[in-house]
């Protein structure tokens, strides 16, 4: 399948502009949601791989509010709003498959809780859904780290060199790294700056457990596949099995030789699992 990509946007119910890309014009609808701090362009390698596996589909990759080309509301941020944005974006289209990474996986679960049956199937890559305590934690390690993030670079070339030199990004597929540099930065007065500011990223991490979806996972009866990296620091197999068991209809898979960044490290594998999910709907 070959198709062009268009960038579009809509106004969410609270007036926030939500940007998204759309590729293809057939069934099923595949909705992809990135992780905190990133952007819709990180879905592009997966979409490109999926185009070699499916004859027809429509891929929609969304920029979460305060990320990418979407606008930012005033903090505090609430992850239920990301779920609501997904509900508005899907608009009842069928068949629909939700595919999300980290906060994006949580957003799809929240969308399913808001509108049960919104999706025909879910592929959730290390979804951020944890047991209590719930609340906003300003000094959690992820928020602290986000506030320390370098907000800009002299050029995209300098940004690329910075990212590829970090251990956390060392396993990324180069297509994902280049997609992040292309889509996650905007031109500034003295170079390029992150579209998702360190402050906004920290705010999102502060709210990571506040949604309390853990207690409602039994309500999610949409067939779901949960994926986690073999070397994940958050979704080790014992926890992943417990998390999966709380869903109404879910299975899990540990992806060898990968970390929390499975999405960026193995886009072909993610595409394989999406294609298999599509085949299972027929």
C-alpha atoms as a PDB file:
ATOM      1  CA  UNK A   1       0.000   0.000   0.000  1.00  0.00           C
ATOM      2  CA  UNK A   2       1.226   3.482  -0.853  1.00  0.00           C
ATOM      3  CA  UNK A   3      -0.492   6.601   0.414  1.00  0.00           C
ATOM      4  CA  UNK A   4       0.182  10.238   1.108  1.00  0.00           C
ATOM      5  CA  UNK A   5       0.074  11.757   4.576  1.00  0.00           C
ATOM      6  CA  UNK A   6      -1.947  14.850   5.450  1.00  0.00           C
ATOM      7  CA  UNK A   7      -1.694  16.987   8.594  1.00  0.00           C
ATOM      8  CA  UNK A   8      -5.018  18.055  10.060  1.00  0.00           C
ATOM      9  CA  UNK A   9      -6.412  19.368  13.335  1.00  0.00           C
ATOM     10  CA  UNK A  10      -9.630  19.765  15.288  1.00  0.00           C
ATOM     11  CA  UNK A  11     -10.765  21.786  18.277  1.00  0.00           C
ATOM     12  CA  UNK A  12     -11.358  19.652  21.343  1.00  0.00           C
ATOM     13  CA  UNK A  13     -14.386  20.299  23.545  1.00  0.00           C
ATOM     14  CA  UNK A  14     -12.343  22.703  25.722  1.00  0.00           C
ATOM     15  CA  UNK A  15     -10.934  24.644  22.770  1.00  0.00           C
ATOM     16  CA  UNK A  16      -7.506  22.973  22.638  1.00  0.00           C
ATOM     17  CA  UNK A  17      -6.329  22.443  19.065  1.00  0.00           C
ATOM     18  CA  UNK A  18      -5.362  18.810  18.495  1.00  0.00           C
ATOM     19  CA  UNK A  19      -3.103  18.068  15.530  1.00  0.00           C
ATOM     20  CA  UNK A  20      -2.964  14.704  13.810  1.00  0.00           C
ATOM     21  CA  UNK A  21      -1.700  13.092  10.639  1.00  0.00           C
ATOM     22  CA  UNK A  22      -3.739  10.790   8.451  1.00  0.00           C
ATOM     23  CA  UNK A  23      -2.374   8.244   5.980  1.00  0.00           C
ATOM     24  CA  UNK A  24      -4.464   6.048   3.683  1.00  0.00           C
ATOM     25  CA  UNK A  25      -8.200   5.934   3.076  1.00  0.00           C
ATOM     26  CA  UNK A  26      -9.382   2.393   3.768  1.00  0.00           C
ATOM     27  CA  UNK A  27     -10.420   0.148   6.648  1.00  0.00           C
ATOM     28  CA  UNK A  28      -9.541  -0.437   9.388  1.00  0.00           C
ATOM     29  CA  UNK A  29      -8.834   2.837  11.187  1.00  0.00           C
ATOM     30  CA  UNK A  30      -5.571   2.512  13.145  1.00  0.00           C
ATOM     31  CA  UNK A  31      -5.199   5.238  15.786  1.00  0.00           C
ATOM     32  CA  UNK A  32      -1.651   5.683  17.102  1.00  0.00           C
ATOM     33  CA  UNK A  33      -0.800   7.692  20.241  1.00  0.00           C
ATOM     34  CA  UNK A  34       2.778   8.530  21.257  1.00  0.00           C
ATOM     35  CA  UNK A  35       4.380   8.665  24.701  1.00  0.00           C
ATOM     36  CA  UNK A  36       4.868  11.713  26.930  1.00  0.00           C
ATOM     37  CA  UNK A  37       7.468  14.133  25.596  1.00  0.00           C
ATOM     38  CA  UNK A  38       7.353  12.898  22.014  1.00  0.00           C
ATOM     39  CA  UNK A  39       5.250  13.519  18.888  1.00  0.00           C
ATOM     40  CA  UNK A  40       3.052  11.989  16.212  1.00  0.00           C
ATOM     41  CA  UNK A  41       5.982  11.649  13.793  1.00  0.00           C
ATOM     42  CA  UNK A  42       7.354   8.810  15.941  1.00  0.00           C
ATOM     43  CA  UNK A  43       4.450   6.776  14.573  1.00  0.00           C
ATOM     44  CA  UNK A  44       5.724   7.188  10.988  1.00  0.00           C
ATOM     45  CA  UNK A  45       8.175   4.231  10.979  1.00  0.00           C
ATOM     46  CA  UNK A  46       5.413   1.956  12.275  1.00  0.00           C
ATOM     47  CA  UNK A  47       2.976   3.251   9.651  1.00  0.00           C
ATOM     48  CA  UNK A  48       5.563   2.737   6.897  1.00  0.00           C
ATOM     49  CA  UNK A  49       6.126  -0.840   8.060  1.00  0.00           C
ATOM     50  CA  UNK A  50       2.383  -1.438   8.299  1.00  0.00           C
ATOM     51  CA  UNK A  51       1.960  -0.344   4.684  1.00  0.00           C
ATOM     52  CA  UNK A  52       4.061  -3.349   3.633  1.00  0.00           C
ATOM     53  CA  UNK A  53       1.815  -5.721   5.587  1.00  0.00           C
ATOM     54  CA  UNK A  54      -1.741  -4.526   4.927  1.00  0.00           C
ATOM     55  CA  UNK A  55      -3.429  -3.837   1.598  1.00  0.00           C
ATOM     56  CA  UNK A  56      -5.685  -1.204   3.077  1.00  0.00           C
ATOM     57  CA  UNK A  57      -5.989   0.876   6.253  1.00  0.00           C
ATOM     58  CA  UNK A  58      -6.184   4.441   7.475  1.00  0.00           C
ATOM     59  CA  UNK A  59      -3.568   5.436  10.037  1.00  0.00           C
ATOM     60  CA  UNK A  60      -4.209   8.413  12.276  1.00  0.00           C
ATOM     61  CA  UNK A  61      -1.341   9.568  14.503  1.00  0.00           C
ATOM     62  CA  UNK A  62      -2.260  12.211  17.064  1.00  0.00           C
ATOM     63  CA  UNK A  63      -0.177  14.806  18.879  1.00  0.00           C
ATOM     64  CA  UNK A  64      -1.230  14.804  22.515  1.00  0.00           C
ATOM     65  CA  UNK A  65      -2.202  18.222  23.874  1.00  0.00           C
ATOM     66  CA  UNK A  66       0.918  20.275  24.740  1.00  0.00           C
ATOM     67  CA  UNK A  67       2.935  18.051  22.377  1.00  0.00           C
ATOM     68  CA  UNK A  68       3.993  18.387  18.760  1.00  0.00           C
ATOM     69  CA  UNK A  69       1.733  20.655  16.727  1.00  0.00           C
ATOM     70  CA  UNK A  70      -1.169  20.571  19.206  1.00  0.00           C
ATOM     71  CA  UNK A  71      -1.790  23.565  21.427  1.00  0.00           C
ATOM     72  CA  UNK A  72      -1.246  23.552  25.171  1.00  0.00           C
ATOM     73  CA  UNK A  73      -3.900  24.303  27.785  1.00  0.00           C
ATOM     74  CA  UNK A  74      -2.934  25.832  31.082  1.00  0.00           C
ATOM     75  CA  UNK A  75      -1.726  23.293  33.660  1.00  0.00           C
ATOM     76  CA  UNK A  76      -2.492  21.205  35.577  1.00  0.00           C
ATOM     77  CA  UNK A  77      -2.881  18.510  32.941  1.00  0.00           C
ATOM     78  CA  UNK A  78      -5.308  15.617  33.287  1.00  0.00           C
ATOM     79  CA  UNK A  79      -4.729  12.363  31.391  1.00  0.00           C
ATOM     80  CA  UNK A  80      -8.493  11.865  31.112  1.00  0.00           C
ATOM     81  CA  UNK A  81      -8.421  14.817  28.697  1.00  0.00           C
ATOM     82  CA  UNK A  82      -6.051  12.891  26.414  1.00  0.00           C
ATOM     83  CA  UNK A  83      -8.524  10.013  26.461  1.00  0.00           C
ATOM     84  CA  UNK A  84     -11.333  12.429  25.641  1.00  0.00           C
ATOM     85  CA  UNK A  85      -9.351  13.809  22.708  1.00  0.00           C
ATOM     86  CA  UNK A  86      -9.029  10.271  21.320  1.00  0.00           C
ATOM     87  CA  UNK A  87     -12.778   9.722  21.646  1.00  0.00           C
ATOM     88  CA  UNK A  88     -13.457  12.900  19.685  1.00  0.00           C
ATOM     89  CA  UNK A  89     -10.896  11.956  17.051  1.00  0.00           C
ATOM     90  CA  UNK A  90     -12.265   8.455  16.455  1.00  0.00           C
ATOM     91  CA  UNK A  91     -15.829   9.706  16.356  1.00  0.00           C
ATOM     92  CA  UNK A  92     -17.381   6.239  16.285  1.00  0.00           C
ATOM     93  CA  UNK A  93     -15.543   5.038  13.172  1.00  0.00           C
ATOM     94  CA  UNK A  94     -15.428   1.251  12.757  1.00  0.00           C
ATOM     95  CA  UNK A  95     -13.530  -0.970  12.593  1.00  0.00           C
ATOM     96  CA  UNK A  96     -10.981   0.855  14.758  1.00  0.00           C
ATOM     97  CA  UNK A  97      -7.786  -0.337  16.427  1.00  0.00           C
ATOM     98  CA  UNK A  98      -6.013   1.711  19.089  1.00  0.00           C
ATOM     99  CA  UNK A  99      -2.221   1.478  19.291  1.00  0.00           C
ATOM    100  CA  UNK A 100      -0.434   3.437  21.995  1.00  0.00           C
ATOM    101  CA  UNK A 101       2.902   3.737  23.760  1.00  0.00           C
ATOM    102  CA  UNK A 102       3.343   4.550  27.457  1.00  0.00           C
ATOM    103  CA  UNK A 103       1.055   7.535  28.185  1.00  0.00           C
ATOM    104  CA  UNK A 104      -0.453   6.923  24.747  1.00  0.00           C
ATOM    105  CA  UNK A 105      -1.430   3.415  25.816  1.00  0.00           C
ATOM    106  CA  UNK A 106      -3.035   4.797  28.953  1.00  0.00           C
ATOM    107  CA  UNK A 107      -4.891   7.386  26.865  1.00  0.00           C
ATOM    108  CA  UNK A 108      -6.453   4.612  24.765  1.00  0.00           C
ATOM    109  CA  UNK A 109      -7.593   2.758  27.865  1.00  0.00           C
ATOM    110  CA  UNK A 110      -9.107   5.954  29.249  1.00  0.00           C
ATOM    111  CA  UNK A 111     -10.837   6.515  25.902  1.00  0.00           C
ATOM    112  CA  UNK A 112     -12.309   3.008  26.089  1.00  0.00           C
ATOM    113  CA  UNK A 113     -13.538   3.702  29.621  1.00  0.00           C
ATOM    114  CA  UNK A 114     -15.142   6.965  28.479  1.00  0.00           C
ATOM    115  CA  UNK A 115     -16.743   5.308  25.440  1.00  0.00           C
ATOM    116  CA  UNK A 116     -16.875   1.504  25.902  1.00  0.00           C
ATOM    117  CA  UNK A 117     -16.536  -0.344  22.614  1.00  0.00           C
ATOM    118  CA  UNK A 118     -14.882   2.633  20.899  1.00  0.00           C
ATOM    119  CA  UNK A 119     -12.187   0.261  19.620  1.00  0.00           C
ATOM    120  CA  UNK A 120     -12.428  -3.223  18.191  1.00  0.00           C
ATOM    121  CA  UNK A 121      -8.961  -4.058  19.539  1.00  0.00           C
ATOM    122  CA  UNK A 122      -6.059  -2.453  21.403  1.00  0.00           C
ATOM    123  CA  UNK A 123      -2.282  -2.833  21.153  1.00  0.00           C
ATOM    124  CA  UNK A 124      -0.757  -1.257  24.253  1.00  0.00           C
ATOM    125  CA  UNK A 125       3.006  -0.830  24.535  1.00  0.00           C
ATOM    126  CA  UNK A 126       4.007  -0.436  28.200  1.00  0.00           C
ATOM    127  CA  UNK A 127       0.850   1.521  29.118  1.00  0.00           C
ATOM    128  CA  UNK A 128       1.299   3.777  32.139  1.00  0.00           C
ATOM    129  CA  UNK A 129      -1.358   2.288  34.395  1.00  0.00           C
ATOM    130  CA  UNK A 130      -0.129   1.646  37.919  1.00  0.00           C
ATOM    131  CA  UNK A 131      -1.731   0.697  41.244  1.00  0.00           C
ATOM    132  CA  UNK A 132      -2.201   3.234  44.060  1.00  0.00           C
ATOM    133  CA  UNK A 133      -1.222   5.503  45.649  1.00  0.00           C
ATOM    134  CA  UNK A 134      -2.865   7.926  43.233  1.00  0.00           C
ATOM    135  CA  UNK A 135      -2.258  11.651  43.045  1.00  0.00           C
ATOM    136  CA  UNK A 136      -0.005  14.360  41.662  1.00  0.00           C
ATOM    137  CA  UNK A 137       3.631  13.911  42.613  1.00  0.00           C
ATOM    138  CA  UNK A 138       5.740  16.944  41.588  1.00  0.00           C
ATOM    139  CA  UNK A 139       9.017  15.456  42.781  1.00  0.00           C
ATOM    140  CA  UNK A 140       8.745  12.061  41.084  1.00  0.00           C
ATOM    141  CA  UNK A 141      11.964  11.122  39.210  1.00  0.00           C
ATOM    142  CA  UNK A 142      10.419  11.474  35.741  1.00  0.00           C
ATOM    143  CA  UNK A 143       9.218  15.029  36.420  1.00  0.00           C
ATOM    144  CA  UNK A 144      12.539  15.987  37.958  1.00  0.00           C
ATOM    145  CA  UNK A 145      14.377  14.603  34.938  1.00  0.00           C
ATOM    146  CA  UNK A 146      12.051  16.377  32.502  1.00  0.00           C
ATOM    147  CA  UNK A 147      12.673  19.753  34.133  1.00  0.00           C
ATOM    148  CA  UNK A 148      16.403  19.243  33.589  1.00  0.00           C
ATOM    149  CA  UNK A 149      15.972  18.488  29.907  1.00  0.00           C
ATOM    150  CA  UNK A 150      17.831  20.703  27.477  1.00  0.00           C
ATOM    151  CA  UNK A 151      15.080  22.810  25.838  1.00  0.00           C
ATOM    152  CA  UNK A 152      16.805  23.601  22.566  1.00  0.00           C
ATOM    153  CA  UNK A 153      19.769  23.134  20.244  1.00  0.00           C
ATOM    154  CA  UNK A 154      21.664  25.195  17.703  1.00  0.00           C
ATOM    155  CA  UNK A 155      20.374  23.021  14.872  1.00  0.00           C
ATOM    156  CA  UNK A 156      18.584  19.775  14.103  1.00  0.00           C
ATOM    157  CA  UNK A 157      21.961  18.259  13.319  1.00  0.00           C
ATOM    158  CA  UNK A 158      23.131  19.164  16.837  1.00  0.00           C
ATOM    159  CA  UNK A 159      19.915  17.776  18.314  1.00  0.00           C
ATOM    160  CA  UNK A 160      20.375  14.488  16.456  1.00  0.00           C
ATOM    161  CA  UNK A 161      23.959  14.196  17.709  1.00  0.00           C
ATOM    162  CA  UNK A 162      22.803  14.871  21.272  1.00  0.00           C
ATOM    163  CA  UNK A 163      20.055  12.256  21.209  1.00  0.00           C
ATOM    164  CA  UNK A 164      22.004   9.446  19.548  1.00  0.00           C
ATOM    165  CA  UNK A 165      24.747   9.939  22.115  1.00  0.00           C
ATOM    166  CA  UNK A 166      22.456   9.119  25.036  1.00  0.00           C
ATOM    167  CA  UNK A 167      22.347   5.569  26.385  1.00  0.00           C
ATOM    168  CA  UNK A 168      18.543   5.606  26.689  1.00  0.00           C
ATOM    169  CA  UNK A 169      18.208   6.231  22.943  1.00  0.00           C
ATOM    170  CA  UNK A 170      20.997   3.913  21.821  1.00  0.00           C
ATOM    171  CA  UNK A 171      18.664   1.127  20.710  1.00  0.00           C
ATOM    172  CA  UNK A 172      16.369   3.300  18.613  1.00  0.00           C
ATOM    173  CA  UNK A 173      15.757   2.529  14.957  1.00  0.00           C
ATOM    174  CA  UNK A 174      17.370   5.435  13.098  1.00  0.00           C
ATOM    175  CA  UNK A 175      14.093   6.168  11.335  1.00  0.00           C
ATOM    176  CA  UNK A 176      12.499   6.858  14.709  1.00  0.00           C
ATOM    177  CA  UNK A 177      15.355   9.130  15.783  1.00  0.00           C
ATOM    178  CA  UNK A 178      15.142  11.135  12.583  1.00  0.00           C
ATOM    179  CA  UNK A 179      11.360  11.342  12.898  1.00  0.00           C
ATOM    180  CA  UNK A 180      11.728  12.748  16.428  1.00  0.00           C
ATOM    181  CA  UNK A 181      14.270  15.345  15.307  1.00  0.00           C
ATOM    182  CA  UNK A 182      12.018  16.318  12.392  1.00  0.00           C
ATOM    183  CA  UNK A 183       8.718  16.444  14.292  1.00  0.00           C
ATOM    184  CA  UNK A 184       9.604  17.064  17.920  1.00  0.00           C
ATOM    185  CA  UNK A 185      11.428  20.358  17.384  1.00  0.00           C
ATOM    186  CA  UNK A 186      10.378  23.713  15.990  1.00  0.00           C
ATOM    187  CA  UNK A 187      12.480  26.564  14.664  1.00  0.00           C
ATOM    188  CA  UNK A 188      13.377  29.170  17.274  1.00  0.00           C
ATOM    189  CA  UNK A 189      15.297  32.428  17.352  1.00  0.00           C
ATOM    190  CA  UNK A 190      18.655  30.752  17.941  1.00  0.00           C
ATOM    191  CA  UNK A 191      18.176  27.279  16.533  1.00  0.00           C
ATOM    192  CA  UNK A 192      15.493  24.716  17.355  1.00  0.00           C
ATOM    193  CA  UNK A 193      13.463  24.109  20.518  1.00  0.00           C
ATOM    194  CA  UNK A 194      11.425  21.187  21.832  1.00  0.00           C
ATOM    195  CA  UNK A 195       7.753  21.409  20.910  1.00  0.00           C
ATOM    196  CA  UNK A 196       6.887  19.700  24.186  1.00  0.00           C
ATOM    197  CA  UNK A 197       8.607  21.990  26.664  1.00  0.00           C
ATOM    198  CA  UNK A 198      10.418  20.525  29.678  1.00  0.00           C
ATOM    199  CA  UNK A 199       7.817  22.182  31.903  1.00  0.00           C
ATOM    200  CA  UNK A 200       4.900  20.612  30.018  1.00  0.00           C
ATOM    201  CA  UNK A 201       6.559  17.194  30.051  1.00  0.00           C
ATOM    202  CA  UNK A 202       7.125  17.456  33.799  1.00  0.00           C
ATOM    203  CA  UNK A 203       3.462  18.404  34.295  1.00  0.00           C
ATOM    204  CA  UNK A 204       2.338  15.301  32.395  1.00  0.00           C
ATOM    205  CA  UNK A 205       4.570  13.056  34.472  1.00  0.00           C
ATOM    206  CA  UNK A 206       3.169  14.613  37.640  1.00  0.00           C
ATOM    207  CA  UNK A 207      -0.298  13.387  36.644  1.00  0.00           C
ATOM    208  CA  UNK A 208       0.795   9.886  35.596  1.00  0.00           C
ATOM    209  CA  UNK A 209      -1.025   8.034  38.393  1.00  0.00           C
ATOM    210  CA  UNK A 210      -3.826  10.494  39.072  1.00  0.00           C
ATOM    211  CA  UNK A 211      -6.206   8.936  36.522  1.00  0.00           C
ATOM    212  CA  UNK A 212      -6.579   5.790  38.713  1.00  0.00           C
ATOM    213  CA  UNK A 213      -7.512   3.586  35.744  1.00  0.00           C
ATOM    214  CA  UNK A 214      -5.989   0.572  37.529  1.00  0.00           C
ATOM    215  CA  UNK A 215      -9.179   0.208  39.561  1.00  0.00           C
ATOM    216  CA  UNK A 216     -11.377   0.144  36.456  1.00  0.00           C
ATOM    217  CA  UNK A 217      -9.476  -2.139  34.105  1.00  0.00           C
ATOM    218  CA  UNK A 218     -12.061  -4.894  34.572  1.00  0.00           C
ATOM    219  CA  UNK A 219     -14.435  -2.637  32.618  1.00  0.00           C
ATOM    220  CA  UNK A 220     -12.209  -2.793  29.520  1.00  0.00           C
ATOM    221  CA  UNK A 221     -13.491  -5.811  27.589  1.00  0.00           C
ATOM    222  CA  UNK A 222     -12.017  -4.783  24.244  1.00  0.00           C
ATOM    223  CA  UNK A 223      -9.482  -7.448  23.144  1.00  0.00           C
ATOM    224  CA  UNK A 224      -6.055  -6.098  24.085  1.00  0.00           C
ATOM    225  CA  UNK A 225      -2.432  -7.101  23.540  1.00  0.00           C
ATOM    226  CA  UNK A 226       0.073  -5.647  25.991  1.00  0.00           C
ATOM    227  CA  UNK A 227       3.717  -5.446  24.931  1.00  0.00           C
ATOM    228  CA  UNK A 228       6.742  -4.729  27.124  1.00  0.00           C
ATOM    229  CA  UNK A 229      10.473  -4.666  26.594  1.00  0.00           C
ATOM    230  CA  UNK A 230      12.630  -7.453  27.992  1.00  0.00           C
ATOM    231  CA  UNK A 231      14.785  -4.840  29.715  1.00  0.00           C
ATOM    232  CA  UNK A 232      11.968  -2.558  30.828  1.00  0.00           C
ATOM    233  CA  UNK A 233      12.449  -0.907  34.207  1.00  0.00           C
ATOM    234  CA  UNK A 234       8.701  -0.325  34.694  1.00  0.00           C
ATOM    235  CA  UNK A 235       6.932  -3.314  33.109  1.00  0.00           C
ATOM    236  CA  UNK A 236       8.807  -6.428  34.179  1.00  0.00           C
ATOM    237  CA  UNK A 237       6.972  -9.665  33.418  1.00  0.00           C
ATOM    238  CA  UNK A 238       5.524 -10.199  36.906  1.00  0.00           C
ATOM    239  CA  UNK A 239       3.952  -6.745  36.884  1.00  0.00           C
ATOM    240  CA  UNK A 240       2.898  -7.026  33.237  1.00  0.00           C
ATOM    241  CA  UNK A 241       1.104 -10.300  33.976  1.00  0.00           C
ATOM    242  CA  UNK A 242      -0.725  -8.701  36.899  1.00  0.00           C
ATOM    243  CA  UNK A 243      -1.652  -5.664  34.812  1.00  0.00           C
ATOM    244  CA  UNK A 244      -2.883  -7.838  31.936  1.00  0.00           C
ATOM    245  CA  UNK A 245      -4.986  -9.944  34.280  1.00  0.00           C
ATOM    246  CA  UNK A 246      -6.942  -6.913  35.402  1.00  0.00           C
ATOM    247  CA  UNK A 247      -8.306  -6.361  31.881  1.00  0.00           C
ATOM    248  CA  UNK A 248     -11.456  -8.137  30.796  1.00  0.00           C
ATOM    249  CA  UNK A 249      -9.868  -9.712  27.714  1.00  0.00           C
ATOM    250  CA  UNK A 250      -6.118  -9.260  27.358  1.00  0.00           C
ATOM    251  CA  UNK A 251      -2.868 -11.103  26.661  1.00  0.00           C
ATOM    252  CA  UNK A 252       0.738  -9.974  26.940  1.00  0.00           C
ATOM    253  CA  UNK A 253       4.087 -10.440  25.245  1.00  0.00           C
ATOM    254  CA  UNK A 254       7.645  -9.667  26.342  1.00  0.00           C
ATOM    255  CA  UNK A 255       9.695  -8.294  23.442  1.00  0.00           C
ATOM    256  CA  UNK A 256      13.315  -9.560  23.498  1.00  0.00           C
ATOM    257  CA  UNK A 257      16.265  -7.191  23.331  1.00  0.00           C
ATOM    258  CA  UNK A 258      14.220  -4.061  23.967  1.00  0.00           C
ATOM    259  CA  UNK A 259      13.470  -1.480  26.650  1.00  0.00           C
ATOM    260  CA  UNK A 260      10.575   0.824  27.504  1.00  0.00           C
ATOM    261  CA  UNK A 261      11.233   2.331  24.066  1.00  0.00           C
ATOM    262  CA  UNK A 262      10.005  -0.748  22.156  1.00  0.00           C
ATOM    263  CA  UNK A 263       7.964   1.637  20.000  1.00  0.00           C
ATOM    264  CA  UNK A 264      11.106   3.370  18.728  1.00  0.00           C
ATOM    265  CA  UNK A 265      13.390   0.330  18.804  1.00  0.00           C
ATOM    266  CA  UNK A 266      11.261  -2.180  16.882  1.00  0.00           C
ATOM    267  CA  UNK A 267       8.720  -0.453  14.621  1.00  0.00           C
ATOM    268  CA  UNK A 268       8.572  -3.535  12.398  1.00  0.00           C
ATOM    269  CA  UNK A 269       7.532  -5.729  15.313  1.00  0.00           C
ATOM    270  CA  UNK A 270       4.832  -3.238  16.329  1.00  0.00           C
ATOM    271  CA  UNK A 271       3.568  -3.284  12.739  1.00  0.00           C
ATOM    272  CA  UNK A 272       3.552  -7.095  12.808  1.00  0.00           C
ATOM    273  CA  UNK A 273       1.388  -7.115  15.917  1.00  0.00           C
ATOM    274  CA  UNK A 274      -1.006  -4.549  14.429  1.00  0.00           C
ATOM    275  CA  UNK A 275      -1.309  -6.601  11.230  1.00  0.00           C
ATOM    276  CA  UNK A 276      -1.971  -9.757  13.252  1.00  0.00           C
ATOM    277  CA  UNK A 277      -4.604  -7.894  15.263  1.00  0.00           C
ATOM    278  CA  UNK A 278      -6.287  -6.773  12.036  1.00  0.00           C
ATOM    279  CA  UNK A 279      -6.259 -10.355  10.750  1.00  0.00           C
ATOM    280  CA  UNK A 280      -7.870 -11.502  13.998  1.00  0.00           C
ATOM    281  CA  UNK A 281     -10.840  -9.207  13.410  1.00  0.00           C
ATOM    282  CA  UNK A 282     -11.807 -10.922  10.167  1.00  0.00           C
END
